[in-house]
N, C-alpha and C. Protein backbone atom coordinates (compact mmCIF):
# COMPACT_ATOMS: atom_id res chain seq x y z
N MET A 1 -10.72 5.48 2.14
CA MET A 1 -9.55 4.70 2.47
C MET A 1 -9.92 3.22 2.62
N GLU A 2 -11.02 2.94 3.28
CA GLU A 2 -11.42 1.55 3.53
C GLU A 2 -11.59 0.78 2.22
N GLN A 3 -12.28 1.37 1.26
CA GLN A 3 -12.50 0.70 -0.02
C GLN A 3 -11.17 0.48 -0.75
N THR A 4 -10.28 1.43 -0.66
CA THR A 4 -8.97 1.30 -1.30
C THR A 4 -8.19 0.13 -0.70
N VAL A 5 -8.18 0.01 0.62
CA VAL A 5 -7.47 -1.08 1.28
C VAL A 5 -8.08 -2.42 0.88
N GLN A 6 -9.39 -2.53 0.83
CA GLN A 6 -10.03 -3.78 0.44
C GLN A 6 -9.67 -4.16 -0.99
N THR A 7 -9.61 -3.18 -1.89
CA THR A 7 -9.18 -3.44 -3.27
C THR A 7 -7.73 -3.90 -3.29
N ASP A 8 -6.88 -3.21 -2.54
CA ASP A 8 -5.47 -3.59 -2.47
C ASP A 8 -5.30 -5.03 -2.03
N LEU A 9 -6.06 -5.46 -1.03
CA LEU A 9 -5.95 -6.81 -0.52
C LEU A 9 -6.38 -7.85 -1.54
N ARG A 10 -7.26 -7.48 -2.45
CA ARG A 10 -7.68 -8.41 -3.50
C ARG A 10 -6.61 -8.58 -4.58
N ILE A 11 -5.77 -7.56 -4.78
CA ILE A 11 -4.81 -7.63 -5.89
C ILE A 11 -3.37 -7.88 -5.47
N VAL A 12 -3.05 -7.75 -4.20
CA VAL A 12 -1.67 -7.98 -3.76
C VAL A 12 -1.38 -9.48 -3.83
N ALA A 13 -0.19 -9.83 -4.28
CA ALA A 13 0.20 -11.23 -4.44
C ALA A 13 0.45 -11.89 -3.09
N LYS A 14 0.34 -13.20 -3.07
CA LYS A 14 0.68 -13.95 -1.85
C LYS A 14 2.11 -13.61 -1.47
N GLY A 15 2.31 -13.29 -0.20
CA GLY A 15 3.63 -12.90 0.27
C GLY A 15 3.97 -11.45 -0.05
N GLY A 16 3.01 -10.73 -0.64
CA GLY A 16 3.23 -9.34 -1.03
C GLY A 16 3.09 -8.38 0.14
N ALA A 17 3.34 -7.13 -0.16
CA ALA A 17 3.31 -6.09 0.88
C ALA A 17 2.34 -4.98 0.49
N LEU A 18 1.67 -4.46 1.48
CA LEU A 18 0.79 -3.31 1.32
C LEU A 18 1.40 -2.17 2.12
N VAL A 19 1.67 -1.06 1.45
CA VAL A 19 2.25 0.10 2.10
C VAL A 19 1.23 1.22 2.11
N ILE A 20 0.91 1.71 3.29
CA ILE A 20 0.00 2.84 3.44
C ILE A 20 0.88 4.08 3.57
N VAL A 21 0.81 4.95 2.56
CA VAL A 21 1.60 6.18 2.57
C VAL A 21 0.69 7.31 2.99
N ARG A 22 1.12 8.02 4.02
CA ARG A 22 0.34 9.11 4.63
C ARG A 22 -0.72 8.50 5.53
N LEU A 23 -1.44 9.32 6.22
CA LEU A 23 -2.42 8.85 7.18
C LEU A 23 -3.76 9.50 6.88
N PHE A 24 -4.75 8.66 6.60
CA PHE A 24 -6.11 9.12 6.33
C PHE A 24 -7.04 8.38 7.26
N GLY A 25 -7.71 9.09 8.12
CA GLY A 25 -8.58 8.44 9.09
C GLY A 25 -7.77 7.93 10.26
N ASN A 26 -8.40 7.15 11.10
CA ASN A 26 -7.69 6.68 12.29
C ASN A 26 -7.63 5.16 12.41
N LYS A 27 -8.23 4.41 11.46
CA LYS A 27 -8.12 2.96 11.50
C LYS A 27 -8.47 2.39 10.14
N ILE A 28 -8.00 1.16 9.92
CA ILE A 28 -8.38 0.40 8.73
C ILE A 28 -8.74 -1.01 9.20
N SER A 29 -9.58 -1.68 8.44
CA SER A 29 -9.97 -3.05 8.77
C SER A 29 -9.27 -4.00 7.80
N ILE A 30 -8.57 -4.97 8.36
CA ILE A 30 -7.87 -5.95 7.54
C ILE A 30 -8.34 -7.33 8.00
N PRO A 31 -8.86 -8.15 7.07
CA PRO A 31 -9.31 -9.48 7.47
C PRO A 31 -8.13 -10.34 7.91
N ALA A 32 -8.12 -10.75 9.15
CA ALA A 32 -6.98 -11.45 9.75
C ALA A 32 -6.67 -12.76 9.02
N PHE A 33 -7.69 -13.56 8.72
CA PHE A 33 -7.42 -14.85 8.08
C PHE A 33 -6.74 -14.66 6.73
N ALA A 34 -7.26 -13.76 5.90
CA ALA A 34 -6.67 -13.52 4.58
C ALA A 34 -5.24 -13.00 4.71
N ALA A 35 -5.01 -12.12 5.67
CA ALA A 35 -3.67 -11.55 5.87
C ALA A 35 -2.67 -12.63 6.26
N VAL A 36 -3.07 -13.52 7.15
CA VAL A 36 -2.17 -14.58 7.61
C VAL A 36 -2.01 -15.66 6.54
N ALA A 37 -3.12 -16.11 5.97
CA ALA A 37 -3.07 -17.18 4.98
C ALA A 37 -2.26 -16.79 3.75
N ASN A 38 -2.31 -15.51 3.38
CA ASN A 38 -1.59 -15.04 2.20
C ASN A 38 -0.23 -14.43 2.54
N GLU A 39 0.14 -14.48 3.82
CA GLU A 39 1.43 -14.00 4.28
C GLU A 39 1.71 -12.56 3.85
N PHE A 40 0.68 -11.71 3.95
CA PHE A 40 0.84 -10.30 3.60
C PHE A 40 1.73 -9.59 4.62
N GLN A 41 2.40 -8.57 4.16
CA GLN A 41 3.16 -7.68 5.03
C GLN A 41 2.53 -6.30 4.93
N PHE A 42 2.48 -5.60 6.04
CA PHE A 42 1.88 -4.27 6.07
C PHE A 42 2.89 -3.27 6.60
N TYR A 43 2.98 -2.15 5.91
CA TYR A 43 3.89 -1.09 6.32
C TYR A 43 3.15 0.24 6.29
N GLY A 44 3.54 1.11 7.14
CA GLY A 44 2.99 2.46 7.15
C GLY A 44 4.11 3.47 6.99
N SER A 45 3.77 4.61 6.43
CA SER A 45 4.78 5.64 6.22
C SER A 45 4.13 7.01 6.29
N PHE A 46 4.78 7.94 6.98
CA PHE A 46 4.33 9.33 7.00
C PHE A 46 5.08 10.15 5.96
N TRP A 47 5.84 9.49 5.10
CA TRP A 47 6.71 10.16 4.15
C TRP A 47 5.92 11.00 3.16
N GLY A 48 6.42 12.17 2.86
CA GLY A 48 5.96 12.97 1.74
C GLY A 48 4.64 13.69 1.91
N ASN A 49 4.50 14.72 1.10
CA ASN A 49 3.22 15.42 1.02
C ASN A 49 2.50 14.98 -0.26
N TYR A 50 1.35 15.55 -0.52
CA TYR A 50 0.55 15.13 -1.67
C TYR A 50 1.32 15.26 -2.98
N ASN A 51 1.99 16.38 -3.19
CA ASN A 51 2.71 16.60 -4.44
C ASN A 51 3.86 15.61 -4.60
N GLU A 52 4.58 15.33 -3.52
CA GLU A 52 5.69 14.38 -3.59
C GLU A 52 5.20 12.97 -3.89
N VAL A 53 4.13 12.56 -3.25
CA VAL A 53 3.58 11.23 -3.50
C VAL A 53 3.08 11.14 -4.94
N SER A 54 2.43 12.18 -5.44
CA SER A 54 1.96 12.20 -6.83
C SER A 54 3.12 12.06 -7.80
N GLU A 55 4.22 12.74 -7.50
CA GLU A 55 5.40 12.67 -8.37
C GLU A 55 5.98 11.25 -8.38
N VAL A 56 6.05 10.61 -7.23
CA VAL A 56 6.57 9.25 -7.16
C VAL A 56 5.68 8.29 -7.94
N ILE A 57 4.38 8.46 -7.84
CA ILE A 57 3.44 7.60 -8.59
C ILE A 57 3.66 7.77 -10.08
N GLU A 58 3.81 8.99 -10.54
CA GLU A 58 4.05 9.24 -11.96
C GLU A 58 5.37 8.62 -12.42
N LEU A 59 6.42 8.73 -11.63
CA LEU A 59 7.70 8.12 -11.97
C LEU A 59 7.57 6.60 -12.07
N ALA A 60 6.82 6.00 -11.16
CA ALA A 60 6.61 4.56 -11.19
C ALA A 60 5.83 4.15 -12.43
N LYS A 61 4.82 4.92 -12.81
CA LYS A 61 4.04 4.62 -14.01
C LYS A 61 4.92 4.62 -15.25
N ARG A 62 5.92 5.51 -15.28
CA ARG A 62 6.83 5.60 -16.43
C ARG A 62 8.03 4.67 -16.28
N ALA A 63 7.98 3.80 -15.28
CA ALA A 63 9.06 2.83 -15.02
C ALA A 63 10.41 3.52 -14.83
N GLN A 64 10.40 4.71 -14.25
CA GLN A 64 11.64 5.43 -14.00
C GLN A 64 12.17 5.17 -12.60
N ILE A 65 11.37 4.49 -11.79
CA ILE A 65 11.82 4.04 -10.47
C ILE A 65 11.29 2.62 -10.26
N ARG A 66 11.96 1.89 -9.39
CA ARG A 66 11.52 0.54 -9.05
C ARG A 66 11.50 0.40 -7.54
N HIS A 67 10.63 -0.45 -7.04
CA HIS A 67 10.64 -0.73 -5.61
C HIS A 67 11.77 -1.70 -5.31
N ARG A 68 12.18 -1.75 -4.09
CA ARG A 68 13.19 -2.72 -3.69
C ARG A 68 12.57 -3.69 -2.70
N SER A 69 13.01 -4.90 -2.75
CA SER A 69 12.47 -5.94 -1.88
C SER A 69 13.13 -5.92 -0.54
């Protein structure tokens, strides 16, 4: 999880949002300066099980769903 979050922080746009879906582990480390300077937003969600999340990812890859701002 930690490596995934660090990768996410490198690719999320300024003013972008990082959404953690499901809960893995009990903490994540987020560099405070980068988060504030880049105006990142962080959200957490307990929504869905593995199969549901996999289905949503596949739909997004096929551009059959879009996120909303």
